[in-house]
């Protein structure tokens, strides 16, 4: 695994959320383990960190902590050492970081645990260290700022204002929080121990008001970025990855599929029996059966699914172990026959 030689070696991943907007899928598994191209969502961040030269990653856990530990192990597949730290009760984003403070030495990265992104992590960290910032927030530029919290900077990149859900940015920057931070250990002193505390709504505005140095980092090359929080963004991320949005995350076809039944791009897991039509933008998990005359398009079918003859699955997610009846029309949202 190629390293970008990041100047700092520690990171915290925030994976304690309930994933409510992806239910019923997240009733059965934590959001961080939902598959994208048949690998866990969180593995994209773990690989990004490992490629950057991060060595020590702490997972701040709450919901379904044991499932995450069993699935991810010691972190060796990504060239990192994983540590698990479970919250006694939900502590929100900053509170979760404060809860692992005893494991942090020096500056560190902190990331929301539902991101898929391509980034030069080393360049971000070097900008943070050169600016002697207390916090550096990764920014992204968007056309529509209304769903996001706006972050405004001066000409040197120092953050001067946080604005929530405004209709227009009078500066024309249109930069918003991308959910990845570099933090100085000084910041930990501002997080109340054992209490729910938010990065976005409490910690960062407090630090700004107290005169801390907050840097907004907008990469010269805006690589791929996705927040996988809803069924629509989950499917959009699946499409982007199948299209090669991240060079080091390529789809595989692990079971034989007749080329006459396929419109690329697709991803197919191991031990599948496919006699129906696939694609484009279809991902099928492991141990699945797709019967004759079934059609799958723009969808994610998870492990151990049986799709009956003549069924249509389009723009939908099929939960693990589900049975799609013959002739069924599944054309939106999440389908789980086990509900």
C-alpha atoms as a PDB file:
ATOM      1  CA  UNK A   1       0.000   0.000   0.000  1.00  0.00           C
ATOM      2  CA  UNK A   2       1.554   3.300  -1.121  1.00  0.00           C
ATOM      3  CA  UNK A   3       2.057   5.865   1.653  1.00  0.00           C
ATOM      4  CA  UNK A   4       1.755   9.625   1.230  1.00  0.00           C
ATOM      5  CA  UNK A   5       3.988  10.022   4.320  1.00  0.00           C
ATOM      6  CA  UNK A   6       1.499  12.004   6.359  1.00  0.00           C
ATOM      7  CA  UNK A   7       3.304  14.022   9.079  1.00  0.00           C
ATOM      8  CA  UNK A   8       0.888  12.816  11.780  1.00  0.00           C
ATOM      9  CA  UNK A   9       0.087   9.189  12.494  1.00  0.00           C
ATOM     10  CA  UNK A  10      -3.182   9.098  14.479  1.00  0.00           C
ATOM     11  CA  UNK A  11      -6.840   9.380  13.524  1.00  0.00           C
ATOM     12  CA  UNK A  12     -10.265   9.045  15.135  1.00  0.00           C
ATOM     13  CA  UNK A  13     -13.243   7.728  13.175  1.00  0.00           C
ATOM     14  CA  UNK A  14     -16.699   8.656  14.469  1.00  0.00           C
ATOM     15  CA  UNK A  15     -18.902   5.614  13.928  1.00  0.00           C
ATOM     16  CA  UNK A  16     -21.344   5.792  16.837  1.00  0.00           C
ATOM     17  CA  UNK A  17     -24.424   6.989  14.933  1.00  0.00           C
ATOM     18  CA  UNK A  18     -27.660   5.022  14.588  1.00  0.00           C
ATOM     19  CA  UNK A  19     -27.936   5.459  10.807  1.00  0.00           C
ATOM     20  CA  UNK A  20     -31.643   6.257  11.125  1.00  0.00           C
ATOM     21  CA  UNK A  21     -31.994   7.538   7.553  1.00  0.00           C
ATOM     22  CA  UNK A  22     -30.878   4.154   6.183  1.00  0.00           C
ATOM     23  CA  UNK A  23     -33.317   2.027   8.136  1.00  0.00           C
ATOM     24  CA  UNK A  24     -34.331  -0.799   7.921  1.00  0.00           C
ATOM     25  CA  UNK A  25     -30.808  -1.705   6.744  1.00  0.00           C
ATOM     26  CA  UNK A  26     -29.213  -0.291   9.886  1.00  0.00           C
ATOM     27  CA  UNK A  27     -31.470  -2.247  12.206  1.00  0.00           C
ATOM     28  CA  UNK A  28     -29.397  -5.281  11.229  1.00  0.00           C
ATOM     29  CA  UNK A  29     -25.913  -3.808  10.756  1.00  0.00           C
ATOM     30  CA  UNK A  30     -24.189  -0.520  11.613  1.00  0.00           C
ATOM     31  CA  UNK A  31     -24.063   1.989   8.772  1.00  0.00           C
ATOM     32  CA  UNK A  32     -20.268   1.741   8.687  1.00  0.00           C
ATOM     33  CA  UNK A  33     -20.562  -1.894   7.526  1.00  0.00           C
ATOM     34  CA  UNK A  34     -23.058  -1.336   4.711  1.00  0.00           C
ATOM     35  CA  UNK A  35     -21.455  -2.717   1.540  1.00  0.00           C
ATOM     36  CA  UNK A  36     -20.271  -0.589  -1.374  1.00  0.00           C
ATOM     37  CA  UNK A  37     -18.801  -2.659  -4.212  1.00  0.00           C
ATOM     38  CA  UNK A  38     -18.997  -5.563  -1.732  1.00  0.00           C
ATOM     39  CA  UNK A  39     -16.708  -3.998   0.845  1.00  0.00           C
ATOM     40  CA  UNK A  40     -17.702  -2.161   4.047  1.00  0.00           C
ATOM     41  CA  UNK A  41     -18.396   1.545   3.752  1.00  0.00           C
ATOM     42  CA  UNK A  42     -15.845   2.327   6.470  1.00  0.00           C
ATOM     43  CA  UNK A  43     -13.119   0.429   4.599  1.00  0.00           C
ATOM     44  CA  UNK A  44     -12.828   3.310   2.132  1.00  0.00           C
ATOM     45  CA  UNK A  45     -11.762   5.649   4.941  1.00  0.00           C
ATOM     46  CA  UNK A  46      -9.494   3.028   6.483  1.00  0.00           C
ATOM     47  CA  UNK A  47      -7.753   2.483   3.155  1.00  0.00           C
ATOM     48  CA  UNK A  48      -7.455   6.238   2.557  1.00  0.00           C
ATOM     49  CA  UNK A  49      -5.782   6.630   5.960  1.00  0.00           C
ATOM     50  CA  UNK A  50      -3.506   3.649   5.451  1.00  0.00           C
ATOM     51  CA  UNK A  51      -2.417   4.926   2.046  1.00  0.00           C
ATOM     52  CA  UNK A  52      -1.620   8.286   3.639  1.00  0.00           C
ATOM     53  CA  UNK A  53       0.688   6.703   6.203  1.00  0.00           C
ATOM     54  CA  UNK A  54      -1.648   6.933   9.220  1.00  0.00           C
ATOM     55  CA  UNK A  55      -0.712   4.112  11.566  1.00  0.00           C
ATOM     56  CA  UNK A  56      -3.037   4.278  14.572  1.00  0.00           C
ATOM     57  CA  UNK A  57      -6.829   4.631  14.181  1.00  0.00           C
ATOM     58  CA  UNK A  58      -9.332   4.732  17.042  1.00  0.00           C
ATOM     59  CA  UNK A  59     -12.964   3.923  16.294  1.00  0.00           C
ATOM     60  CA  UNK A  60     -15.336   5.870  18.551  1.00  0.00           C
ATOM     61  CA  UNK A  61     -18.177   3.383  18.903  1.00  0.00           C
ATOM     62  CA  UNK A  62     -21.674   3.235  20.329  1.00  0.00           C
ATOM     63  CA  UNK A  63     -24.344   1.452  18.243  1.00  0.00           C
ATOM     64  CA  UNK A  64     -23.584  -2.212  17.378  1.00  0.00           C
ATOM     65  CA  UNK A  65     -20.004  -1.879  18.557  1.00  0.00           C
ATOM     66  CA  UNK A  66     -19.403  -5.631  18.702  1.00  0.00           C
ATOM     67  CA  UNK A  67     -20.389  -6.107  15.044  1.00  0.00           C
ATOM     68  CA  UNK A  68     -17.809  -3.528  13.987  1.00  0.00           C
ATOM     69  CA  UNK A  69     -15.052  -5.142  16.010  1.00  0.00           C
ATOM     70  CA  UNK A  70     -15.823  -8.578  14.595  1.00  0.00           C
ATOM     71  CA  UNK A  71     -15.898  -7.313  11.002  1.00  0.00           C
ATOM     72  CA  UNK A  72     -12.821  -5.066  11.049  1.00  0.00           C
ATOM     73  CA  UNK A  73     -10.437  -6.886  13.368  1.00  0.00           C
ATOM     74  CA  UNK A  74      -7.024  -5.382  14.047  1.00  0.00           C
ATOM     75  CA  UNK A  75      -6.867  -3.185  10.917  1.00  0.00           C
ATOM     76  CA  UNK A  76      -4.039  -5.105   9.271  1.00  0.00           C
ATOM     77  CA  UNK A  77      -5.737  -5.345   5.814  1.00  0.00           C
ATOM     78  CA  UNK A  78      -5.326  -1.557   5.564  1.00  0.00           C
ATOM     79  CA  UNK A  79      -1.846  -1.355   7.073  1.00  0.00           C
ATOM     80  CA  UNK A  80      -3.082   0.294  10.278  1.00  0.00           C
ATOM     81  CA  UNK A  81      -3.639  -0.617  13.919  1.00  0.00           C
ATOM     82  CA  UNK A  82      -7.280  -0.334  14.973  1.00  0.00           C
ATOM     83  CA  UNK A  83      -8.364   0.526  18.508  1.00  0.00           C
ATOM     84  CA  UNK A  84     -11.987   0.400  19.676  1.00  0.00           C
ATOM     85  CA  UNK A  85     -13.441   2.764  22.266  1.00  0.00           C
ATOM     86  CA  UNK A  86     -17.128   2.391  23.131  1.00  0.00           C
ATOM     87  CA  UNK A  87     -19.150   5.307  24.497  1.00  0.00           C
ATOM     88  CA  UNK A  88     -21.131   4.642  27.695  1.00  0.00           C
ATOM     89  CA  UNK A  89     -23.947   6.754  26.170  1.00  0.00           C
ATOM     90  CA  UNK A  90     -24.221   8.786  22.926  1.00  0.00           C
ATOM     91  CA  UNK A  91     -21.788  11.722  23.115  1.00  0.00           C
ATOM     92  CA  UNK A  92     -22.244  13.412  19.709  1.00  0.00           C
ATOM     93  CA  UNK A  93     -19.275  14.234  17.479  1.00  0.00           C
ATOM     94  CA  UNK A  94     -17.011  16.315  19.739  1.00  0.00           C
ATOM     95  CA  UNK A  95     -17.976  14.329  22.829  1.00  0.00           C
ATOM     96  CA  UNK A  96     -16.915  11.119  21.082  1.00  0.00           C
ATOM     97  CA  UNK A  97     -13.512  12.649  20.301  1.00  0.00           C
ATOM     98  CA  UNK A  98     -13.149  13.770  23.911  1.00  0.00           C
ATOM     99  CA  UNK A  99     -13.988  10.257  25.054  1.00  0.00           C
ATOM    100  CA  UNK A 100     -10.839   8.853  23.371  1.00  0.00           C
ATOM    101  CA  UNK A 101      -8.481  11.641  24.480  1.00  0.00           C
ATOM    102  CA  UNK A 102      -6.301   9.297  26.543  1.00  0.00           C
ATOM    103  CA  UNK A 103      -5.248   7.541  23.308  1.00  0.00           C
ATOM    104  CA  UNK A 104      -4.267  10.729  21.452  1.00  0.00           C
ATOM    105  CA  UNK A 105      -0.739  12.106  21.437  1.00  0.00           C
ATOM    106  CA  UNK A 106      -0.137  15.285  19.481  1.00  0.00           C
ATOM    107  CA  UNK A 107      -2.127  16.482  16.457  1.00  0.00           C
ATOM    108  CA  UNK A 108      -4.590  14.005  14.982  1.00  0.00           C
ATOM    109  CA  UNK A 109      -7.179  13.530  12.254  1.00  0.00           C
ATOM    110  CA  UNK A 110     -10.892  13.149  13.024  1.00  0.00           C
ATOM    111  CA  UNK A 111     -13.406  11.950  10.434  1.00  0.00           C
ATOM    112  CA  UNK A 112     -17.115  11.322  10.268  1.00  0.00           C
ATOM    113  CA  UNK A 113     -17.452   7.586   9.702  1.00  0.00           C
ATOM    114  CA  UNK A 114     -19.786   7.645   6.678  1.00  0.00           C
ATOM    115  CA  UNK A 115     -17.559   9.294   4.069  1.00  0.00           C
ATOM    116  CA  UNK A 116     -16.215   8.001   0.772  1.00  0.00           C
ATOM    117  CA  UNK A 117     -13.579  10.377  -0.522  1.00  0.00           C
ATOM    118  CA  UNK A 118     -10.373  10.740  -2.469  1.00  0.00           C
ATOM    119  CA  UNK A 119      -7.969  13.203  -0.900  1.00  0.00           C
ATOM    120  CA  UNK A 120      -4.277  13.980  -0.498  1.00  0.00           C
ATOM    121  CA  UNK A 121      -4.334  13.626   3.288  1.00  0.00           C
ATOM    122  CA  UNK A 122      -0.675  14.572   3.617  1.00  0.00           C
ATOM    123  CA  UNK A 123      -1.232  17.941   1.911  1.00  0.00           C
ATOM    124  CA  UNK A 124      -4.131  18.685   4.273  1.00  0.00           C
ATOM    125  CA  UNK A 125      -2.061  17.875   7.349  1.00  0.00           C
ATOM    126  CA  UNK A 126       0.947  19.874   6.148  1.00  0.00           C
ATOM    127  CA  UNK A 127      -1.270  22.932   5.614  1.00  0.00           C
ATOM    128  CA  UNK A 128      -2.580  22.518   9.181  1.00  0.00           C
ATOM    129  CA  UNK A 129       0.891  22.287  10.677  1.00  0.00           C
ATOM    130  CA  UNK A 130       2.327  25.158   8.626  1.00  0.00           C
ATOM    131  CA  UNK A 131      -0.559  27.415   9.698  1.00  0.00           C
ATOM    132  CA  UNK A 132      -0.111  26.345  13.348  1.00  0.00           C
ATOM    133  CA  UNK A 133      -3.890  25.924  13.427  1.00  0.00           C
ATOM    134  CA  UNK A 134      -5.903  24.646  16.349  1.00  0.00           C
ATOM    135  CA  UNK A 135      -8.352  23.002  13.933  1.00  0.00           C
ATOM    136  CA  UNK A 136      -8.257  22.599  10.173  1.00  0.00           C
ATOM    137  CA  UNK A 137     -11.578  21.783   8.527  1.00  0.00           C
ATOM    138  CA  UNK A 138     -11.654  20.143   5.107  1.00  0.00           C
ATOM    139  CA  UNK A 139     -13.978  22.164   2.885  1.00  0.00           C
ATOM    140  CA  UNK A 140     -15.771  21.428  -0.335  1.00  0.00           C
ATOM    141  CA  UNK A 141     -17.311  23.846  -2.776  1.00  0.00           C
ATOM    142  CA  UNK A 142     -20.975  23.278  -3.649  1.00  0.00           C
ATOM    143  CA  UNK A 143     -23.451  24.916  -5.998  1.00  0.00           C
ATOM    144  CA  UNK A 144     -26.334  24.883  -3.503  1.00  0.00           C
ATOM    145  CA  UNK A 145     -25.404  25.803   0.072  1.00  0.00           C
ATOM    146  CA  UNK A 146     -28.921  25.689   1.535  1.00  0.00           C
ATOM    147  CA  UNK A 147     -28.740  22.114   2.939  1.00  0.00           C
ATOM    148  CA  UNK A 148     -25.367  22.748   4.610  1.00  0.00           C
ATOM    149  CA  UNK A 149     -23.599  24.854   7.180  1.00  0.00           C
ATOM    150  CA  UNK A 150     -21.645  27.574   5.385  1.00  0.00           C
ATOM    151  CA  UNK A 151     -18.021  28.247   6.386  1.00  0.00           C
ATOM    152  CA  UNK A 152     -16.476  31.583   5.410  1.00  0.00           C
ATOM    153  CA  UNK A 153     -12.716  32.320   5.310  1.00  0.00           C
ATOM    154  CA  UNK A 154     -10.465  35.287   4.871  1.00  0.00           C
ATOM    155  CA  UNK A 155      -7.858  35.552   2.092  1.00  0.00           C
ATOM    156  CA  UNK A 156      -5.348  33.490   4.100  1.00  0.00           C
ATOM    157  CA  UNK A 157      -7.806  30.628   4.613  1.00  0.00           C
ATOM    158  CA  UNK A 158      -8.543  31.396   8.270  1.00  0.00           C
ATOM    159  CA  UNK A 159     -12.190  30.796   9.165  1.00  0.00           C
ATOM    160  CA  UNK A 160     -14.086  33.941  10.127  1.00  0.00           C
ATOM    161  CA  UNK A 161     -17.714  32.740  10.309  1.00  0.00           C
ATOM    162  CA  UNK A 162     -19.994  29.704  10.566  1.00  0.00           C
ATOM    163  CA  UNK A 163     -23.480  30.226   9.151  1.00  0.00           C
ATOM    164  CA  UNK A 164     -26.241  27.634   9.320  1.00  0.00           C
ATOM    165  CA  UNK A 165     -28.639  26.989   6.436  1.00  0.00           C
ATOM    166  CA  UNK A 166     -28.370  30.344   4.676  1.00  0.00           C
ATOM    167  CA  UNK A 167     -29.672  30.836   1.137  1.00  0.00           C
ATOM    168  CA  UNK A 168     -26.673  32.664  -0.296  1.00  0.00           C
ATOM    169  CA  UNK A 169     -22.982  33.231   0.408  1.00  0.00           C
ATOM    170  CA  UNK A 170     -22.284  36.914  -0.191  1.00  0.00           C
ATOM    171  CA  UNK A 171     -18.561  36.124  -0.621  1.00  0.00           C
ATOM    172  CA  UNK A 172     -19.241  33.714  -3.485  1.00  0.00           C
ATOM    173  CA  UNK A 173     -17.036  31.033  -1.886  1.00  0.00           C
ATOM    174  CA  UNK A 174     -19.853  28.488  -1.279  1.00  0.00           C
ATOM    175  CA  UNK A 175     -17.644  26.341   0.949  1.00  0.00           C
ATOM    176  CA  UNK A 176     -19.096  23.849   3.427  1.00  0.00           C
ATOM    177  CA  UNK A 177     -17.852  21.370   6.012  1.00  0.00           C
ATOM    178  CA  UNK A 178     -16.707  18.058   4.464  1.00  0.00           C
ATOM    179  CA  UNK A 179     -16.603  16.132   7.763  1.00  0.00           C
ATOM    180  CA  UNK A 180     -12.825  15.684   8.104  1.00  0.00           C
ATOM    181  CA  UNK A 181     -10.653  17.634  10.534  1.00  0.00           C
ATOM    182  CA  UNK A 182      -7.088  17.964  11.734  1.00  0.00           C
ATOM    183  CA  UNK A 183      -6.993  18.899  15.428  1.00  0.00           C
ATOM    184  CA  UNK A 184      -4.381  20.084  17.863  1.00  0.00           C
ATOM    185  CA  UNK A 185      -4.449  18.411  21.300  1.00  0.00           C
ATOM    186  CA  UNK A 186      -5.225  21.896  22.674  1.00  0.00           C
ATOM    187  CA  UNK A 187      -8.739  21.445  21.335  1.00  0.00           C
ATOM    188  CA  UNK A 188      -9.436  18.555  23.695  1.00  0.00           C
ATOM    189  CA  UNK A 189      -9.396  20.968  26.629  1.00  0.00           C
ATOM    190  CA  UNK A 190     -12.520  22.667  25.201  1.00  0.00           C
ATOM    191  CA  UNK A 191     -14.574  19.442  25.132  1.00  0.00           C
ATOM    192  CA  UNK A 192     -16.503  18.789  28.378  1.00  0.00           C
ATOM    193  CA  UNK A 193     -15.752  15.228  29.532  1.00  0.00           C
ATOM    194  CA  UNK A 194     -18.596  12.738  29.536  1.00  0.00           C
ATOM    195  CA  UNK A 195     -21.182  15.071  27.977  1.00  0.00           C
ATOM    196  CA  UNK A 196     -22.832  15.129  24.536  1.00  0.00           C
ATOM    197  CA  UNK A 197     -21.072  17.871  22.582  1.00  0.00           C
ATOM    198  CA  UNK A 198     -21.190  18.757  18.876  1.00  0.00           C
ATOM    199  CA  UNK A 199     -18.293  19.747  16.630  1.00  0.00           C
ATOM    200  CA  UNK A 200     -20.430  21.784  14.277  1.00  0.00           C
ATOM    201  CA  UNK A 201     -22.842  23.476  16.666  1.00  0.00           C
ATOM    202  CA  UNK A 202     -20.805  23.837  19.861  1.00  0.00           C
ATOM    203  CA  UNK A 203     -17.072  23.161  19.680  1.00  0.00           C
ATOM    204  CA  UNK A 204     -16.124  25.025  16.503  1.00  0.00           C
ATOM    205  CA  UNK A 205     -18.247  28.150  17.162  1.00  0.00           C
ATOM    206  CA  UNK A 206     -16.902  28.237  20.735  1.00  0.00           C
ATOM    207  CA  UNK A 207     -13.292  27.995  19.572  1.00  0.00           C
ATOM    208  CA  UNK A 208     -13.855  30.756  17.014  1.00  0.00           C
ATOM    209  CA  UNK A 209     -15.434  33.016  19.649  1.00  0.00           C
ATOM    210  CA  UNK A 210     -12.500  32.389  21.993  1.00  0.00           C
ATOM    211  CA  UNK A 211      -9.947  33.409  19.360  1.00  0.00           C
ATOM    212  CA  UNK A 212      -8.647  29.983  18.377  1.00  0.00           C
ATOM    213  CA  UNK A 213      -7.029  29.647  14.948  1.00  0.00           C
ATOM    214  CA  UNK A 214      -9.359  27.693  12.662  1.00  0.00           C
ATOM    215  CA  UNK A 215      -8.209  26.992   9.119  1.00  0.00           C
ATOM    216  CA  UNK A 216     -10.509  26.142   6.223  1.00  0.00           C
ATOM    217  CA  UNK A 217      -8.718  23.884   3.727  1.00  0.00           C
ATOM    218  CA  UNK A 218     -10.057  23.679   0.169  1.00  0.00           C
ATOM    219  CA  UNK A 219      -7.964  21.268  -1.943  1.00  0.00           C
ATOM    220  CA  UNK A 220      -6.639  22.521  -5.270  1.00  0.00           C
ATOM    221  CA  UNK A 221      -8.024  19.356  -6.828  1.00  0.00           C
ATOM    222  CA  UNK A 222     -11.508  18.641  -5.544  1.00  0.00           C
ATOM    223  CA  UNK A 223     -11.522  14.849  -5.637  1.00  0.00           C
ATOM    224  CA  UNK A 224     -14.523  12.607  -5.152  1.00  0.00           C
ATOM    225  CA  UNK A 225     -16.520  13.108  -1.943  1.00  0.00           C
ATOM    226  CA  UNK A 226     -19.750  11.519  -0.682  1.00  0.00           C
ATOM    227  CA  UNK A 227     -21.604  11.483   2.616  1.00  0.00           C
ATOM    228  CA  UNK A 228     -23.428   8.143   2.577  1.00  0.00           C
ATOM    229  CA  UNK A 229     -26.340   9.059   4.817  1.00  0.00           C
ATOM    230  CA  UNK A 230     -29.489   8.285   2.835  1.00  0.00           C
ATOM    231  CA  UNK A 231     -30.685   5.681   0.333  1.00  0.00           C
ATOM    232  CA  UNK A 232     -30.318   8.206  -2.513  1.00  0.00           C
ATOM    233  CA  UNK A 233     -26.705   9.059  -1.663  1.00  0.00           C
ATOM    234  CA  UNK A 234     -25.914   5.380  -1.083  1.00  0.00           C
ATOM    235  CA  UNK A 235     -27.059   4.541  -4.616  1.00  0.00           C
ATOM    236  CA  UNK A 236     -25.340   7.616  -6.057  1.00  0.00           C
ATOM    237  CA  UNK A 237     -22.066   6.543  -4.423  1.00  0.00           C
ATOM    238  CA  UNK A 238     -22.475   3.040  -5.834  1.00  0.00           C
ATOM    239  CA  UNK A 239     -22.871   4.554  -9.316  1.00  0.00           C
ATOM    240  CA  UNK A 240     -19.846   6.808  -8.896  1.00  0.00           C
ATOM    241  CA  UNK A 241     -17.606   3.982  -7.681  1.00  0.00           C
ATOM    242  CA  UNK A 242     -18.714   1.754 -10.554  1.00  0.00           C
ATOM    243  CA  UNK A 243     -17.753   4.608 -12.873  1.00  0.00           C
ATOM    244  CA  UNK A 244     -14.235   4.671 -11.370  1.00  0.00           C
ATOM    245  CA  UNK A 245     -14.549   7.805  -9.225  1.00  0.00           C
ATOM    246  CA  UNK A 246     -11.765   6.514  -6.950  1.00  0.00           C
ATOM    247  CA  UNK A 247      -8.843   4.964  -8.779  1.00  0.00           C
ATOM    248  CA  UNK A 248      -7.897   2.580  -5.973  1.00  0.00           C
ATOM    249  CA  UNK A 249     -11.473   1.287  -5.489  1.00  0.00           C
ATOM    250  CA  UNK A 250     -12.342  -0.776  -8.543  1.00  0.00           C
ATOM    251  CA  UNK A 251     -15.329  -3.149  -8.947  1.00  0.00           C
ATOM    252  CA  UNK A 252     -14.835  -6.876  -9.420  1.00  0.00           C
ATOM    253  CA  UNK A 253     -16.908  -9.621 -11.031  1.00  0.00           C
ATOM    254  CA  UNK A 254     -16.253 -12.747  -8.965  1.00  0.00           C
ATOM    255  CA  UNK A 255     -18.911 -15.070 -10.441  1.00  0.00           C
ATOM    256  CA  UNK A 256     -19.411 -16.094 -14.072  1.00  0.00           C
ATOM    257  CA  UNK A 257     -21.966 -13.933 -15.885  1.00  0.00           C
ATOM    258  CA  UNK A 258     -22.809 -14.211 -19.564  1.00  0.00           C
ATOM    259  CA  UNK A 259     -21.711 -11.046 -21.409  1.00  0.00           C
ATOM    260  CA  UNK A 260     -25.038 -11.190 -23.279  1.00  0.00           C
ATOM    261  CA  UNK A 261     -26.842 -10.547 -19.975  1.00  0.00           C
ATOM    262  CA  UNK A 262     -24.770  -7.554 -18.859  1.00  0.00           C
ATOM    263  CA  UNK A 263     -24.682  -3.819 -19.438  1.00  0.00           C
ATOM    264  CA  UNK A 264     -21.569  -2.395 -17.765  1.00  0.00           C
ATOM    265  CA  UNK A 265     -20.613  -1.194 -15.254  1.00  0.00           C
ATOM    266  CA  UNK A 266     -21.465  -3.889 -12.714  1.00  0.00           C
ATOM    267  CA  UNK A 267     -19.985  -5.552  -9.631  1.00  0.00           C
ATOM    268  CA  UNK A 268     -20.770  -9.161  -8.701  1.00  0.00           C
ATOM    269  CA  UNK A 269     -19.728 -11.086  -5.599  1.00  0.00           C
ATOM    270  CA  UNK A 270     -18.598 -14.678  -5.225  1.00  0.00           C
ATOM    271  CA  UNK A 271     -20.736 -17.823  -5.454  1.00  0.00           C
ATOM    272  CA  UNK A 272     -23.605 -16.220  -7.386  1.00  0.00           C
ATOM    273  CA  UNK A 273     -25.890 -17.838  -9.980  1.00  0.00           C
ATOM    274  CA  UNK A 274     -26.958 -15.166 -12.487  1.00  0.00           C
ATOM    275  CA  UNK A 275     -29.350 -15.948 -15.343  1.00  0.00           C
ATOM    276  CA  UNK A 276     -31.218 -12.632 -15.386  1.00  0.00           C
ATOM    277  CA  UNK A 277     -30.296  -9.285 -16.952  1.00  0.00           C
ATOM    278  CA  UNK A 278     -27.837  -7.009 -15.096  1.00  0.00           C
ATOM    279  CA  UNK A 279     -26.923  -3.376 -15.312  1.00  0.00           C
ATOM    280  CA  UNK A 280     -25.950  -0.789 -15.758  1.00  0.00           C
ATOM    281  CA  UNK A 281     -24.875   0.365 -12.274  1.00  0.00           C
ATOM    282  CA  UNK A 282     -25.764  -2.859 -10.496  1.00  0.00           C
ATOM    283  CA  UNK A 283     -23.866  -4.314  -7.553  1.00  0.00           C
ATOM    284  CA  UNK A 284     -24.700  -7.843  -6.402  1.00  0.00           C
ATOM    285  CA  UNK A 285     -23.355  -9.290  -3.170  1.00  0.00           C
ATOM    286  CA  UNK A 286     -22.081 -12.775  -2.419  1.00  0.00           C
ATOM    287  CA  UNK A 287     -24.157 -15.980  -2.542  1.00  0.00           C
ATOM    288  CA  UNK A 288     -26.987 -14.461  -4.590  1.00  0.00           C
ATOM    289  CA  UNK A 289     -29.330 -15.976  -7.162  1.00  0.00           C
ATOM    290  CA  UNK A 290     -30.938 -13.971  -9.968  1.00  0.00           C
ATOM    291  CA  UNK A 291     -33.377 -16.079 -11.959  1.00  0.00           C
ATOM    292  CA  UNK A 292     -34.165 -16.015 -15.651  1.00  0.00           C
ATOM    293  CA  UNK A 293     -36.040 -12.998 -17.031  1.00  0.00           C
ATOM    294  CA  UNK A 294     -35.318 -10.918 -13.903  1.00  0.00           C
ATOM    295  CA  UNK A 295     -33.925  -7.429 -14.570  1.00  0.00           C
ATOM    296  CA  UNK A 296     -31.631  -5.462 -12.223  1.00  0.00           C
ATOM    297  CA  UNK A 297     -30.628  -1.860 -12.929  1.00  0.00           C
ATOM    298  CA  UNK A 298     -29.074   0.929 -10.853  1.00  0.00           C
ATOM    299  CA  UNK A 299     -29.353  -1.045  -7.626  1.00  0.00           C
ATOM    300  CA  UNK A 300     -27.459  -2.674  -4.781  1.00  0.00           C
ATOM    301  CA  UNK A 301     -28.398  -6.269  -3.970  1.00  0.00           C
ATOM    302  CA  UNK A 302     -26.723  -7.388  -0.754  1.00  0.00           C
ATOM    303  CA  UNK A 303     -25.512 -10.861   0.249  1.00  0.00           C
ATOM    304  CA  UNK A 304     -27.685 -14.013   0.187  1.00  0.00           C
ATOM    305  CA  UNK A 305     -30.522 -12.488  -1.879  1.00  0.00           C
ATOM    306  CA  UNK A 306     -32.795 -14.484  -4.175  1.00  0.00           C
ATOM    307  CA  UNK A 307     -34.404 -12.558  -7.045  1.00  0.00           C
ATOM    308  CA  UNK A 308     -37.267 -14.484  -8.598  1.00  0.00           C
ATOM    309  CA  UNK A 309     -38.010 -14.990 -12.296  1.00  0.00           C
ATOM    310  CA  UNK A 310     -39.367 -11.930 -14.078  1.00  0.00           C
ATOM    311  CA  UNK A 311     -38.781  -9.565 -11.154  1.00  0.00           C
ATOM    312  CA  UNK A 312     -37.603  -5.988 -11.701  1.00  0.00           C
ATOM    313  CA  UNK A 313     -35.235  -4.241  -9.264  1.00  0.00           C
ATOM    314  CA  UNK A 314     -34.385  -0.676 -10.248  1.00  0.00           C
ATOM    315  CA  UNK A 315     -33.071   2.329  -8.245  1.00  0.00           C
ATOM    316  CA  UNK A 316     -33.406   0.297  -5.054  1.00  0.00           C
ATOM    317  CA  UNK A 317     -31.440  -1.443  -2.314  1.00  0.00           C
ATOM    318  CA  UNK A 318     -32.241  -5.060  -1.437  1.00  0.00           C
ATOM    319  CA  UNK A 319     -31.392  -6.054   2.137  1.00  0.00           C
ATOM    320  CA  UNK A 320     -29.274  -9.129   2.973  1.00  0.00           C
ATOM    321  CA  UNK A 321     -31.135 -12.434   2.814  1.00  0.00           C
ATOM    322  CA  UNK A 322     -34.216 -10.953   1.158  1.00  0.00           C
ATOM    323  CA  UNK A 323     -36.389 -12.876  -1.296  1.00  0.00           C
ATOM    324  CA  UNK A 324     -37.750 -10.836  -4.207  1.00  0.00           C
ATOM    325  CA  UNK A 325     -40.833 -12.751  -5.401  1.00  0.00           C
ATOM    326  CA  UNK A 326     -41.217 -13.723  -9.067  1.00  0.00           C
ATOM    327  CA  UNK A 327     -42.631 -10.848 -11.084  1.00  0.00           C
ATOM    328  CA  UNK A 328     -42.218  -8.290  -8.268  1.00  0.00           C
ATOM    329  CA  UNK A 329     -41.538  -4.638  -9.143  1.00  0.00           C
ATOM    330  CA  UNK A 330     -39.024  -3.044  -6.736  1.00  0.00           C
ATOM    331  CA  UNK A 331     -38.319   0.423  -8.082  1.00  0.00           C
ATOM    332  CA  UNK A 332     -37.431   2.676  -5.170  1.00  0.00           C
ATOM    333  CA  UNK A 333     -36.003   2.813  -1.646  1.00  0.00           C
ATOM    334  CA  UNK A 334     -35.095  -0.240   0.437  1.00  0.00           C
ATOM    335  CA  UNK A 335     -36.665  -3.703   0.063  1.00  0.00           C
ATOM    336  CA  UNK A 336     -36.431  -6.193   2.925  1.00  0.00           C
ATOM    337  CA  UNK A 337     -38.702  -9.232   2.841  1.00  0.00           C
ATOM    338  CA  UNK A 338     -37.675 -10.005   6.415  1.00  0.00           C
ATOM    339  CA  UNK A 339     -39.547  -6.976   7.835  1.00  0.00           C
END
